[in-house]
PDB file of N, CA and C in Angstrom:
ATOM      1  N   MET A   1     -11.827  -1.517  -5.728  1.00  0.00           N
ATOM      2  CA  MET A   1     -10.494  -1.927  -5.081  1.00  0.00           C
ATOM      3  C   MET A   1     -10.880  -3.291  -4.440  1.00  0.00           C
ATOM      4  N   SER A   2     -10.198  -3.882  -4.321  1.00  0.00           N
ATOM      5  CA  SER A   2     -10.057  -5.337  -3.674  1.00  0.00           C
ATOM      6  C   SER A   2      -9.219  -5.307  -2.290  1.00  0.00           C
ATOM      7  N   GLY A   3      -9.630  -6.317  -1.407  1.00  0.00           N
ATOM      8  CA  GLY A   3      -9.072  -5.949  -0.085  1.00  0.00           C
ATOM      9  C   GLY A   3     -10.210  -6.274   0.825  1.00  0.00           C
ATOM     10  N   HIS A   4      -9.498  -6.383   2.434  1.00  0.00           N
ATOM     11  CA  HIS A   4     -10.595  -6.693   3.590  1.00  0.00           C
ATOM     12  C   HIS A   4     -10.967  -4.934   3.810  1.00  0.00           C
ATOM     13  N   SER A   5     -12.107  -4.551   4.086  1.00  0.00           N
ATOM     14  CA  SER A   5     -12.848  -3.357   4.477  1.00  0.00           C
ATOM     15  C   SER A   5     -12.692  -3.159   5.894  1.00  0.00           C
ATOM     16  N   GLY A   6     -12.061  -4.269   6.555  1.00  0.00           N
ATOM     17  CA  GLY A   6     -12.282  -3.943   8.338  1.00  0.00           C
ATOM     18  C   GLY A   6     -11.173  -2.771   8.606  1.00  0.00           C
ATOM     19  N   ASN A   7     -11.600  -2.399   9.656  1.00  0.00           N
ATOM     20  CA  ASN A   7     -11.174  -1.286  10.446  1.00  0.00           C
ATOM     21  C   ASN A   7     -10.125  -1.763  11.438  1.00  0.00           C
ATOM     22  N   SER A   8      -9.677  -3.027  11.564  1.00  0.00           N
ATOM     23  CA  SER A   8      -8.555  -3.132  12.139  1.00  0.00           C
ATOM     24  C   SER A   8      -7.362  -4.096  11.607  1.00  0.00           C
ATOM     25  N   GLY A   9      -6.265  -3.909  11.770  1.00  0.00           N
ATOM     26  CA  GLY A   9      -5.057  -4.478  11.428  1.00  0.00           C
ATOM     27  C   GLY A   9      -3.653  -4.060  11.791  1.00  0.00           C
ATOM     28  N   VAL A  10      -2.783  -4.272  11.190  1.00  0.00           N
ATOM     29  CA  VAL A  10      -1.357  -3.979  11.531  1.00  0.00           C
ATOM     30  C   VAL A  10      -1.193  -2.629  11.024  1.00  0.00           C
ATOM     31  N   CYS A  11      -0.573  -1.810  11.327  1.00  0.00           N
ATOM     32  CA  CYS A  11       0.021  -0.325  10.623  1.00  0.00           C
ATOM     33  C   CYS A  11       0.938  -0.563   9.501  1.00  0.00           C
ATOM     34  N   ILE A  12       0.805  -0.192   8.357  1.00  0.00           N
ATOM     35  CA  ILE A  12       1.963  -0.290   7.154  1.00  0.00           C
ATOM     36  C   ILE A  12       2.734   0.721   7.288  1.00  0.00           C
ATOM     37  N   SER A  13       4.062   0.363   7.675  1.00  0.00           N
ATOM     38  CA  SER A  13       5.263   1.402   7.910  1.00  0.00           C
ATOM     39  C   SER A  13       6.336   1.315   6.761  1.00  0.00           C
ATOM     40  N   ALA A  14       6.898   2.219   6.590  1.00  0.00           N
ATOM     41  CA  ALA A  14       8.333   2.050   5.705  1.00  0.00           C
ATOM     42  C   ALA A  14       8.904   0.783   5.662  1.00  0.00           C
ATOM     43  N   ALA A  15       8.721  -0.216   7.018  1.00  0.00           N
ATOM     44  CA  ALA A  15       9.467  -1.422   7.047  1.00  0.00           C
ATOM     45  C   ALA A  15       8.833  -2.744   6.459  1.00  0.00           C
ATOM     46  N   SER A  16       7.424  -2.206   5.911  1.00  0.00           N
ATOM     47  CA  SER A  16       6.523  -3.103   5.653  1.00  0.00           C
ATOM     48  C   SER A  16       6.927  -3.646   4.040  1.00  0.00           C
ATOM     49  N   ALA A  17       6.648  -4.809   3.864  1.00  0.00           N
ATOM     50  CA  ALA A  17       7.061  -5.328   2.657  1.00  0.00           C
ATOM     51  C   ALA A  17       5.778  -5.284   1.637  1.00  0.00           C
ATOM     52  N   MET A  18       5.718  -4.554   0.785  1.00  0.00           N
ATOM     53  CA  MET A  18       4.577  -4.524  -0.397  1.00  0.00           C
ATOM     54  C   MET A  18       4.947  -4.587  -1.572  1.00  0.00           C
ATOM     55  N   HIS A  19       4.132  -5.731  -2.412  1.00  0.00           N
ATOM     56  CA  HIS A  19       4.339  -5.989  -3.746  1.00  0.00           C
ATOM     57  C   HIS A  19       2.953  -5.777  -4.639  1.00  0.00           C
ATOM     58  N   CYS A  20       3.248  -5.750  -5.869  1.00  0.00           N
ATOM     59  CA  CYS A  20       2.084  -6.046  -6.814  1.00  0.00           C
ATOM     60  C   CYS A  20       2.005  -7.418  -6.827  1.00  0.00           C
ATOM     61  N   PRO A  21       0.935  -8.103  -7.625  1.00  0.00           N
ATOM     62  CA  PRO A  21       0.443  -9.574  -7.856  1.00  0.00           C
ATOM     63  C   PRO A  21       1.266 -10.180  -8.567  1.00  0.00           C
ATOM     64  N   HIS A  22       2.453  -9.289  -9.606  1.00  0.00           N
ATOM     65  CA  HIS A  22       3.207 -10.001 -10.454  1.00  0.00           C
ATOM     66  C   HIS A  22       4.673  -9.708  -9.787  1.00  0.00           C
ATOM     67  N   GLY A  23       5.052  -9.353  -8.627  1.00  0.00           N
ATOM     68  CA  GLY A  23       6.393  -9.397  -7.729  1.00  0.00           C
ATOM     69  C   GLY A  23       7.053  -8.208  -7.770  1.00  0.00           C
ATOM     70  N   GLY A  24       6.495  -7.226  -8.447  1.00  0.00           N
ATOM     71  CA  GLY A  24       7.160  -5.947  -8.320  1.00  0.00           C
ATOM     72  C   GLY A  24       6.921  -5.289  -7.121  1.00  0.00           C
ATOM     73  N   ARG A  25       8.093  -4.504  -6.562  1.00  0.00           N
ATOM     74  CA  ARG A  25       7.937  -3.808  -5.153  1.00  0.00           C
ATOM     75  C   ARG A  25       7.274  -2.495  -5.143  1.00  0.00           C
ATOM     76  N   VAL A  26       6.329  -2.233  -4.374  1.00  0.00           N
ATOM     77  CA  VAL A  26       5.708  -1.135  -4.116  1.00  0.00           C
ATOM     78  C   VAL A  26       6.096  -0.262  -2.906  1.00  0.00           C
ATOM     79  N   PHE A  27       6.579   0.684  -3.215  1.00  0.00           N
ATOM     80  CA  PHE A  27       7.250   1.515  -2.145  1.00  0.00           C
ATOM     81  C   PHE A  27       6.242   2.914  -2.127  1.00  0.00           C
ATOM     82  N   ALA A  28       6.721   3.700  -1.226  1.00  0.00           N
ATOM     83  CA  ALA A  28       6.102   5.345  -1.059  1.00  0.00           C
ATOM     84  C   ALA A  28       7.001   6.160  -1.773  1.00  0.00           C
ATOM     85  N   ALA A  29       6.390   6.571  -2.951  1.00  0.00           N
ATOM     86  CA  ALA A  29       7.204   7.660  -3.621  1.00  0.00           C
ATOM     87  C   ALA A  29       7.398   9.000  -3.059  1.00  0.00           C
ATOM     88  N   SER A  30       6.191   9.189  -1.980  1.00  0.00           N
ATOM     89  CA  SER A  30       5.921  10.472  -1.092  1.00  0.00           C
ATOM     90  C   SER A  30       5.359  10.026   0.029  1.00  0.00           C
ATOM     91  N   ALA A  31       6.095  10.174   1.384  1.00  0.00           N
ATOM     92  CA  ALA A  31       5.556   9.914   2.649  1.00  0.00           C
ATOM     93  C   ALA A  31       5.445  11.327   3.526  1.00  0.00           C
ATOM     94  N   ALA A  32       4.586  11.209   4.170  1.00  0.00           N
ATOM     95  CA  ALA A  32       4.254  12.223   5.367  1.00  0.00           C
ATOM     96  C   ALA A  32       5.400  12.212   6.284  1.00  0.00           C
ATOM     97  N   GLY A  33       5.077  11.097   6.847  1.00  0.00           N
ATOM     98  CA  GLY A  33       6.477  10.512   7.881  1.00  0.00           C
ATOM     99  C   GLY A  33       5.767  11.014   9.405  1.00  0.00           C
ATOM    100  N   ALA A  34       4.769  11.851   9.706  1.00  0.00           N
ATOM    101  CA  ALA A  34       4.505  12.238  11.029  1.00  0.00           C
ATOM    102  C   ALA A  34       4.756  11.530  12.061  1.00  0.00           C
ATOM    103  N   VAL A  35       4.296  10.383  12.031  1.00  0.00           N
ATOM    104  CA  VAL A  35       4.292   9.391  13.404  1.00  0.00           C
ATOM    105  C   VAL A  35       5.088   8.094  12.435  1.00  0.00           C
ATOM    106  N   ARG A  36       6.134   7.471  13.619  1.00  0.00           N
ATOM    107  CA  ARG A  36       7.010   6.375  13.213  1.00  0.00           C
ATOM    108  C   ARG A  36       6.633   5.273  14.329  1.00  0.00           C
ATOM    109  N   VAL A  37       7.243   4.097  13.998  1.00  0.00           N
ATOM    110  CA  VAL A  37       6.953   2.842  14.618  1.00  0.00           C
ATOM    111  C   VAL A  37       8.168   2.167  14.339  1.00  0.00           C
ATOM    112  N   ASP A  38       9.209   1.842  15.725  1.00  0.00           N
ATOM    113  CA  ASP A  38      10.092   1.444  15.724  1.00  0.00           C
ATOM    114  C   ASP A  38      11.060   2.217  14.508  1.00  0.00           C
ATOM    115  N   GLY A  39      11.112   3.393  14.645  1.00  0.00           N
ATOM    116  CA  GLY A  39      11.864   4.443  13.598  1.00  0.00           C
ATOM    117  C   GLY A  39      11.441   4.421  12.110  1.00  0.00           C
ATOM    118  N   HIS A  40      10.331   3.547  11.643  1.00  0.00           N
ATOM    119  CA  HIS A  40       9.801   3.717  10.368  1.00  0.00           C
ATOM    120  C   HIS A  40       8.359   4.661  10.142  1.00  0.00           C
ATOM    121  N   PRO A  41       8.756   5.783   9.015  1.00  0.00           N
ATOM    122  CA  PRO A  41       6.902   6.370   9.104  1.00  0.00           C
ATOM    123  C   PRO A  41       5.874   5.336   8.620  1.00  0.00           C
ATOM    124  N   VAL A  42       4.901   5.574   9.668  1.00  0.00           N
ATOM    125  CA  VAL A  42       3.646   4.954   9.304  1.00  0.00           C
ATOM    126  C   VAL A  42       3.233   5.803   8.144  1.00  0.00           C
ATOM    127  N   HIS A  43       2.544   4.688   7.281  1.00  0.00           N
ATOM    128  CA  HIS A  43       1.915   5.385   5.559  1.00  0.00           C
ATOM    129  C   HIS A  43       0.583   5.447   6.048  1.00  0.00           C
ATOM    130  N   THR A  44       0.396   6.546   5.358  1.00  0.00           N
ATOM    131  CA  THR A  44      -1.202   7.268   5.583  1.00  0.00           C
ATOM    132  C   THR A  44      -1.594   7.420   4.063  1.00  0.00           C
ATOM    133  N   ALA A  45      -3.074   8.001   3.889  1.00  0.00           N
ATOM    134  CA  ALA A  45      -3.848   7.956   2.699  1.00  0.00           C
ATOM    135  C   ALA A  45      -3.280   9.184   1.898  1.00  0.00           C
ATOM    136  N   LEU A  46      -2.105  10.132   2.441  1.00  0.00           N
ATOM    137  CA  LEU A  46      -1.920  11.129   1.903  1.00  0.00           C
ATOM    138  C   LEU A  46      -0.458  10.574   1.352  1.00  0.00           C
ATOM    139  N   ASP A  47       0.094   9.681   1.047  1.00  0.00           N
ATOM    140  CA  ASP A  47       1.278   8.931   0.808  1.00  0.00           C
ATOM    141  C   ASP A  47       0.938   8.488  -0.614  1.00  0.00           C
ATOM    142  N   VAL A  48       1.707   8.648  -1.474  1.00  0.00           N
ATOM    143  CA  VAL A  48       1.707   8.156  -2.751  1.00  0.00           C
ATOM    144  C   VAL A  48       2.904   6.955  -3.391  1.00  0.00           C
ATOM    145  N   PHE A  49       2.433   6.108  -3.615  1.00  0.00           N
ATOM    146  CA  PHE A  49       3.005   4.714  -3.939  1.00  0.00           C
ATOM    147  C   PHE A  49       3.188   4.438  -5.818  1.00  0.00           C
ATOM    148  N   ALA A  50       4.458   3.751  -5.757  1.00  0.00           N
ATOM    149  CA  ALA A  50       4.857   3.825  -7.206  1.00  0.00           C
ATOM    150  C   ALA A  50       5.155   2.237  -6.948  1.00  0.00           C
ATOM    151  N   VAL A  51       5.562   1.260  -7.919  1.00  0.00           N
ATOM    152  CA  VAL A  51       5.850   0.056  -8.420  1.00  0.00           C
ATOM    153  C   VAL A  51       7.130  -0.001  -9.446  1.00  0.00           C
ATOM    154  N   THR A  52       7.867  -0.720  -8.907  1.00  0.00           N
ATOM    155  CA  THR A  52       9.105  -0.813  -9.814  1.00  0.00           C
ATOM    156  C   THR A  52       9.548  -2.604  -9.866  1.00  0.00           C
ATOM    157  N   GLY A  53      10.166  -2.967 -10.990  1.00  0.00           N
ATOM    158  CA  GLY A  53      10.056  -4.047 -10.919  1.00  0.00           C
ATOM    159  C   GLY A  53       9.010  -5.305 -11.534  1.00  0.00           C
ATOM    160  N   CYS A  54       7.948  -4.739 -11.893  1.00  0.00           N
ATOM    161  CA  CYS A  54       6.871  -5.500 -12.195  1.00  0.00           C
ATOM    162  C   CYS A  54       6.884  -6.381 -13.638  1.00  0.00           C
ATOM    163  N   ALA A  55       7.021  -7.766 -13.475  1.00  0.00           N
ATOM    164  CA  ALA A  55       7.012  -8.387 -14.760  1.00  0.00           C
ATOM    165  C   ALA A  55       5.723  -8.548 -15.544  1.00  0.00           C
ATOM    166  N   HIS A  56       4.705  -8.063 -15.315  1.00  0.00           N
ATOM    167  CA  HIS A  56       3.577  -8.203 -15.942  1.00  0.00           C
ATOM    168  C   HIS A  56       3.579  -8.308 -17.263  1.00  0.00           C
ATOM    169  N   THR A  57       3.230  -9.228 -18.082  1.00  0.00           N
ATOM    170  CA  THR A  57       2.866  -9.006 -19.947  1.00  0.00           C
ATOM    171  C   THR A  57       1.461  -9.287 -20.298  1.00  0.00           C
ATOM    172  N   VAL A  58       1.303  -9.232 -21.038  1.00  0.00           N
ATOM    173  CA  VAL A  58      -0.135  -9.193 -21.621  1.00  0.00           C
ATOM    174  C   VAL A  58       0.048  -9.463 -23.282  1.00  0.00           C
ATOM    175  N   ASP A  59       0.026 -10.994 -23.504  1.00  0.00           N
ATOM    176  CA  ASP A  59       0.225 -11.352 -24.894  1.00  0.00           C
ATOM    177  C   ASP A  59       1.607 -10.962 -25.403  1.00  0.00           C
ATOM    178  N   GLY A  60       2.655 -11.438 -24.503  1.00  0.00           N
ATOM    179  CA  GLY A  60       3.982 -11.002 -24.497  1.00  0.00           C
ATOM    180  C   GLY A  60       4.286  -9.678 -24.528  1.00  0.00           C
ATOM    181  N   VAL A  61       3.634  -8.883 -24.676  1.00  0.00           N
ATOM    182  CA  VAL A  61       3.944  -7.525 -24.642  1.00  0.00           C
ATOM    183  C   VAL A  61       3.969  -6.798 -22.972  1.00  0.00           C
ATOM    184  N   PRO A  62       5.273  -6.163 -22.300  1.00  0.00           N
ATOM    185  CA  PRO A  62       5.301  -5.752 -21.202  1.00  0.00           C
ATOM    186  C   PRO A  62       4.196  -4.679 -20.691  1.00  0.00           C
ATOM    187  N   GLN A  63       2.824  -5.249 -19.674  1.00  0.00           N
ATOM    188  CA  GLN A  63       2.520  -3.969 -19.149  1.00  0.00           C
ATOM    189  C   GLN A  63       2.301  -4.195 -17.708  1.00  0.00           C
ATOM    190  N   PRO A  64       3.409  -3.456 -17.402  1.00  0.00           N
ATOM    191  CA  PRO A  64       3.855  -3.695 -15.531  1.00  0.00           C
ATOM    192  C   PRO A  64       2.801  -2.532 -15.313  1.00  0.00           C
ATOM    193  N   CYS A  65       2.806  -3.018 -13.159  1.00  0.00           N
ATOM    194  CA  CYS A  65       2.092  -2.173 -12.550  1.00  0.00           C
ATOM    195  C   CYS A  65       3.266  -0.586 -12.372  1.00  0.00           C
ATOM    196  N   THR A  66       2.911   0.086 -12.298  1.00  0.00           N
ATOM    197  CA  THR A  66       3.245   1.357 -12.002  1.00  0.00           C
ATOM    198  C   THR A  66       2.860   2.194 -10.828  1.00  0.00           C
ATOM    199  N   SER A  67       1.808   2.060 -10.465  1.00  0.00           N
ATOM    200  CA  SER A  67       1.323   2.749  -9.165  1.00  0.00           C
ATOM    201  C   SER A  67       0.466   1.896  -8.508  1.00  0.00           C
ATOM    202  N   ALA A  68       0.117   2.567  -6.968  1.00  0.00           N
ATOM    203  CA  ALA A  68      -1.024   1.849  -6.386  1.00  0.00           C
ATOM    204  C   ALA A  68      -1.621   2.624  -5.477  1.00  0.00           C
ATOM    205  N   ARG A  69      -2.763   2.622  -5.548  1.00  0.00           N
ATOM    206  CA  ARG A  69      -3.704   3.382  -4.613  1.00  0.00           C
ATOM    207  C   ARG A  69      -4.417   2.417  -3.411  1.00  0.00           C
ATOM    208  N   PHE A  70      -4.310   2.806  -1.946  1.00  0.00           N
ATOM    209  CA  PHE A  70      -4.936   2.254  -1.116  1.00  0.00           C
ATOM    210  C   PHE A  70      -6.266   3.181  -0.599  1.00  0.00           C
ATOM    211  N   ASP A  71      -7.701   2.250  -0.608  1.00  0.00           N
ATOM    212  CA  ASP A  71      -8.778   3.100  -0.049  1.00  0.00           C
ATOM    213  C   ASP A  71      -8.805   2.743   1.447  1.00  0.00           C
ATOM    214  N   PRO A  72      -8.474   3.701   2.199  1.00  0.00           N
ATOM    215  CA  PRO A  72      -8.670   3.335   3.671  1.00  0.00           C
ATOM    216  C   PRO A  72      -9.707   3.616   4.024  1.00  0.00           C
ATOM    217  N   HIS A  73     -10.126   3.051   5.418  1.00  0.00           N
ATOM    218  CA  HIS A  73     -11.646   3.297   5.826  1.00  0.00           C
ATOM    219  C   HIS A  73     -11.383   4.565   6.806  1.00  0.00           C
ATOM    220  N   ALA A  74     -12.563   5.455   6.332  1.00  0.00           N
ATOM    221  CA  ALA A  74     -12.430   6.778   6.918  1.00  0.00           C
ATOM    222  C   ALA A  74     -12.699   6.824   8.261  1.00  0.00           C
ATOM    223  N   ARG A  75     -12.845   5.839   8.886  1.00  0.00           N
ATOM    224  CA  ARG A  75     -13.370   5.879  10.534  1.00  0.00           C
ATOM    225  C   ARG A  75     -12.211   5.535  11.234  1.00  0.00           C
ATOM    226  N   GLY A  76     -11.121   4.860  10.650  1.00  0.00           N
ATOM    227  CA  GLY A  76     -10.000   4.377  11.524  1.00  0.00           C
ATOM    228  C   GLY A  76      -8.971   5.382  12.104  1.00  0.00           C
ATOM    229  N   VAL A  77      -8.096   5.074  12.665  1.00  0.00           N
ATOM    230  CA  VAL A  77      -7.047   5.785  13.552  1.00  0.00           C
ATOM    231  C   VAL A  77      -6.310   6.619  12.134  1.00  0.00           C
ATOM    232  N   LEU A  78      -6.195   8.150  12.648  1.00  0.00           N
ATOM    233  CA  LEU A  78      -5.799   9.050  11.782  1.00  0.00           C
ATOM    234  C   LEU A  78      -4.459   9.963  12.407  1.00  0.00           C
ATOM    235  N   VAL A  79      -3.578  10.401  11.252  1.00  0.00           N
ATOM    236  CA  VAL A  79      -2.459  10.871  11.798  1.00  0.00           C
ATOM    237  C   VAL A  79      -2.378  12.226  10.874  1.00  0.00           C
ATOM    238  N   ASP A  80      -2.502  13.521  11.331  1.00  0.00           N
ATOM    239  CA  ASP A  80      -2.733  14.411  10.879  1.00  0.00           C
ATOM    240  C   ASP A  80      -3.992  14.752   9.986  1.00  0.00           C
ATOM    241  N   GLY A  81      -4.796  14.034  10.529  1.00  0.00           N
ATOM    242  CA  GLY A  81      -6.434  14.039   9.864  1.00  0.00           C
ATOM    243  C   GLY A  81      -6.172  13.080   8.702  1.00  0.00           C
ATOM    244  N   ALA A  82      -5.193  12.089   8.444  1.00  0.00           N
ATOM    245  CA  ALA A  82      -5.364  11.433   7.023  1.00  0.00           C
ATOM    246  C   ALA A  82      -5.214   9.938   7.673  1.00  0.00           C
ATOM    247  N   PRO A  83      -6.007   9.424   7.410  1.00  0.00           N
ATOM    248  CA  PRO A  83      -6.400   7.652   7.631  1.00  0.00           C
ATOM    249  C   PRO A  83      -5.053   6.769   7.830  1.00  0.00           C
ATOM    250  N   VAL A  84      -4.686   6.247   8.721  1.00  0.00           N
ATOM    251  CA  VAL A  84      -3.434   5.267   8.519  1.00  0.00           C
ATOM    252  C   VAL A  84      -3.635   4.219   7.815  1.00  0.00           C
ATOM    253  N   LEU A  85      -2.850   3.714   6.699  1.00  0.00           N
ATOM    254  CA  LEU A  85      -3.165   2.483   6.166  1.00  0.00           C
ATOM    255  C   LEU A  85      -2.673   1.211   7.130  1.00  0.00           C
ATOM    256  N   LEU A  86      -3.402   0.190   6.946  1.00  0.00           N
ATOM    257  CA  LEU A  86      -3.269  -1.130   7.508  1.00  0.00           C
ATOM    258  C   LEU A  86      -2.929  -2.089   6.721  1.00  0.00           C
ATOM    259  N   ASP A  87      -2.879  -3.442   6.982  1.00  0.00           N
ATOM    260  CA  ASP A  87      -2.437  -4.602   5.670  1.00  0.00           C
ATOM    261  C   ASP A  87      -3.491  -4.968   5.600  1.00  0.00           C
ATOM    262  N   THR A  88      -4.743  -4.653   6.332  1.00  0.00           N
ATOM    263  CA  THR A  88      -6.028  -4.926   5.763  1.00  0.00           C
ATOM    264  C   THR A  88      -6.631  -3.927   5.080  1.00  0.00           C
ATOM    265  N   THR A  89      -6.061  -2.808   4.993  1.00  0.00           N
ATOM    266  CA  THR A  89      -6.821  -1.898   4.025  1.00  0.00           C
ATOM    267  C   THR A  89      -6.945  -2.004   2.146  1.00  0.00           C
ATOM    268  N   ALA A  90      -8.211  -2.057   1.698  1.00  0.00           N
ATOM    269  CA  ALA A  90      -7.832  -2.155   0.257  1.00  0.00           C
ATOM    270  C   ALA A  90      -6.955  -1.514  -0.264  1.00  0.00           C
ATOM    271  N   ALA A  91      -6.266  -2.133  -1.177  1.00  0.00           N
ATOM    272  CA  ALA A  91      -5.498  -1.708  -2.452  1.00  0.00           C
ATOM    273  C   ALA A  91      -5.475  -2.284  -3.826  1.00  0.00           C
ATOM    274  N   GLN A  92      -5.023  -1.534  -4.450  1.00  0.00           N
ATOM    275  CA  GLN A  92      -5.518  -1.809  -6.028  1.00  0.00           C
ATOM    276  C   GLN A  92      -3.617  -1.235  -6.666  1.00  0.00           C
ATOM    277  N   CYS A  93      -3.150  -2.356  -7.565  1.00  0.00           N
ATOM    278  CA  CYS A  93      -2.136  -1.785  -8.243  1.00  0.00           C
ATOM    279  C   CYS A  93      -2.325  -1.345  -9.839  1.00  0.00           C
ATOM    280  N   PHE A  94      -2.183  -0.667 -10.324  1.00  0.00           N
ATOM    281  CA  PHE A  94      -2.397   0.094 -11.549  1.00  0.00           C
ATOM    282  C   PHE A  94      -1.072   0.256 -13.012  1.00  0.00           C
ATOM    283  N   GLY A  95      -1.521  -0.208 -13.966  1.00  0.00           N
ATOM    284  CA  GLY A  95      -0.644   0.042 -15.139  1.00  0.00           C
ATOM    285  C   GLY A  95      -0.051   1.352 -15.384  1.00  0.00           C
ATOM    286  N   ALA A  96       0.245   1.760 -16.309  1.00  0.00           N
ATOM    287  CA  ALA A  96       0.849   3.378 -16.663  1.00  0.00           C
ATOM    288  C   ALA A  96      -0.575   3.647 -17.486  1.00  0.00           C
ATOM    289  N   ALA A  97      -1.545   2.924 -17.854  1.00  0.00           N
ATOM    290  CA  ALA A  97      -2.798   3.709 -18.731  1.00  0.00           C
ATOM    291  C   ALA A  97      -3.802   3.805 -17.828  1.00  0.00           C
ATOM    292  N   LEU A  98      -3.157   3.506 -16.008  1.00  0.00           N
ATOM    293  CA  LEU A  98      -4.257   3.242 -15.005  1.00  0.00           C
ATOM    294  C   LEU A  98      -5.282   2.169 -14.986  1.00  0.00           C
ATOM    295  N   VAL A  99      -4.931   0.969 -15.732  1.00  0.00           N
ATOM    296  CA  VAL A  99      -5.811   0.024 -15.716  1.00  0.00           C
ATOM    297  C   VAL A  99      -5.578  -0.801 -14.727  1.00  0.00           C
ATOM    298  N   PRO A 100      -6.624  -1.267 -14.001  1.00  0.00           N
ATOM    299  CA  PRO A 100      -6.116  -1.910 -12.565  1.00  0.00           C
ATOM    300  C   PRO A 100      -5.548  -3.173 -13.031  1.00  0.00           C
ATOM    301  N   GLN A 101      -4.557  -3.758 -12.063  1.00  0.00           N
ATOM    302  CA  GLN A 101      -3.550  -4.943 -12.576  1.00  0.00           C
ATOM    303  C   GLN A 101      -3.632  -5.978 -11.395  1.00  0.00           C
ATOM    304  N   GLY A 102      -4.446  -5.707 -10.337  1.00  0.00           N
ATOM    305  CA  GLY A 102      -4.772  -6.678  -8.922  1.00  0.00           C
ATOM    306  C   GLY A 102      -4.394  -5.996  -7.730  1.00  0.00           C
ATOM    307  N   PRO A 103      -4.532  -6.772  -6.904  1.00  0.00           N
ATOM    308  CA  PRO A 103      -4.309  -5.963  -5.460  1.00  0.00           C
ATOM    309  C   PRO A 103      -2.728  -5.946  -4.980  1.00  0.00           C
ATOM    310  N   VAL A 104      -2.557  -5.031  -3.909  1.00  0.00           N
ATOM    311  CA  VAL A 104      -1.315  -4.923  -3.073  1.00  0.00           C
ATOM    312  C   VAL A 104      -1.134  -6.134  -2.223  1.00  0.00           C
ATOM    313  N   VAL A 105       0.269  -6.774  -2.194  1.00  0.00           N
ATOM    314  CA  VAL A 105       0.091  -7.863  -1.402  1.00  0.00           C
ATOM    315  C   VAL A 105       1.304  -7.277  -0.091  1.00  0.00           C
ATOM    316  N   VAL A 106       0.902  -7.497   0.973  1.00  0.00           N
ATOM    317  CA  VAL A 106       1.050  -6.413   2.091  1.00  0.00           C
ATOM    318  C   VAL A 106       1.845  -7.750   2.904  1.00  0.00           C
ATOM    319  N   SER A 107       3.152  -7.443   3.346  1.00  0.00           N
ATOM    320  CA  SER A 107       3.628  -8.225   4.762  1.00  0.00           C
ATOM    321  C   SER A 107       4.166  -7.143   5.547  1.00  0.00           C
ATOM    322  N   ALA A 108       2.856  -6.918   6.938  1.00  0.00           N
ATOM    323  CA  ALA A 108       3.466  -5.817   7.582  1.00  0.00           C
ATOM    324  C   ALA A 108       4.502  -5.754   8.422  1.00  0.00           C
ATOM    325  N   GLY A 109       5.084  -7.076   8.917  1.00  0.00           N
ATOM    326  CA  GLY A 109       6.295  -7.091   9.470  1.00  0.00           C
ATOM    327  C   GLY A 109       5.960  -7.286  11.021  1.00  0.00           C
ATOM    328  N   ARG A 110       6.870  -7.528  11.683  1.00  0.00           N
ATOM    329  CA  ARG A 110       6.503  -8.182  13.178  1.00  0.00           C
ATOM    330  C   ARG A 110       6.546  -6.944  13.943  1.00  0.00           C
ATOM    331  N   GLN A 111       7.246  -6.072  13.353  1.00  0.00           N
ATOM    332  CA  GLN A 111       7.525  -4.828  14.389  1.00  0.00           C
ATOM    333  C   GLN A 111       6.163  -4.115  14.693  1.00  0.00           C
ATOM    334  N   GLY A 112       4.919  -4.165  13.557  1.00  0.00           N
ATOM    335  CA  GLY A 112       3.882  -3.223  13.423  1.00  0.00           C
ATOM    336  C   GLY A 112       3.315  -3.176  14.678  1.00  0.00           C
ATOM    337  N   VAL A 113       2.598  -2.321  14.581  1.00  0.00           N
ATOM    338  CA  VAL A 113       1.402  -1.518  16.049  1.00  0.00           C
ATOM    339  C   VAL A 113      -0.184  -2.298  15.363  1.00  0.00           C
ATOM    340  N   MET A 114      -0.683  -2.687  16.245  1.00  0.00           N
ATOM    341  CA  MET A 114      -2.441  -3.115  15.773  1.00  0.00           C
ATOM    342  C   MET A 114      -3.148  -1.970  16.536  1.00  0.00           C
ATOM    343  N   CYS A 115      -4.113  -1.568  15.109  1.00  0.00           N
ATOM    344  CA  CYS A 115      -4.878  -0.715  15.302  1.00  0.00           C
ATOM    345  C   CYS A 115      -6.034  -1.006  15.239  1.00  0.00           C
ATOM    346  N   ARG A 116      -7.137  -0.649  15.881  1.00  0.00           N
ATOM    347  CA  ARG A 116      -8.768  -1.116  15.742  1.00  0.00           C
ATOM    348  C   ARG A 116      -9.750   0.087  15.481  1.00  0.00           C
TER     349      ARG A 116
END
């Protein structure tokens, strides 16, 4: 997994803009939503993420990102026992064959809550 492995950062919520490295949109396909920031559910390690609109190709053959996985620090902030995802959490996008295709790009948004 790529990304920063620190314990601090801005909490990722449903208001956060997330993309694959090829411009596709990363979104929570399922979310626990137990805690909200400005009315938006905060994402945790229990959430499942999908990718749509990825334009990645290999030798002219479409190989779009289809999912994303986050690798949160286990000693961070927890919601119902699950680590909260931060804009600094390591994350990777994957194609349909689960081939790594690059890091998730996160813009946490101004309303985010800083976690340490």
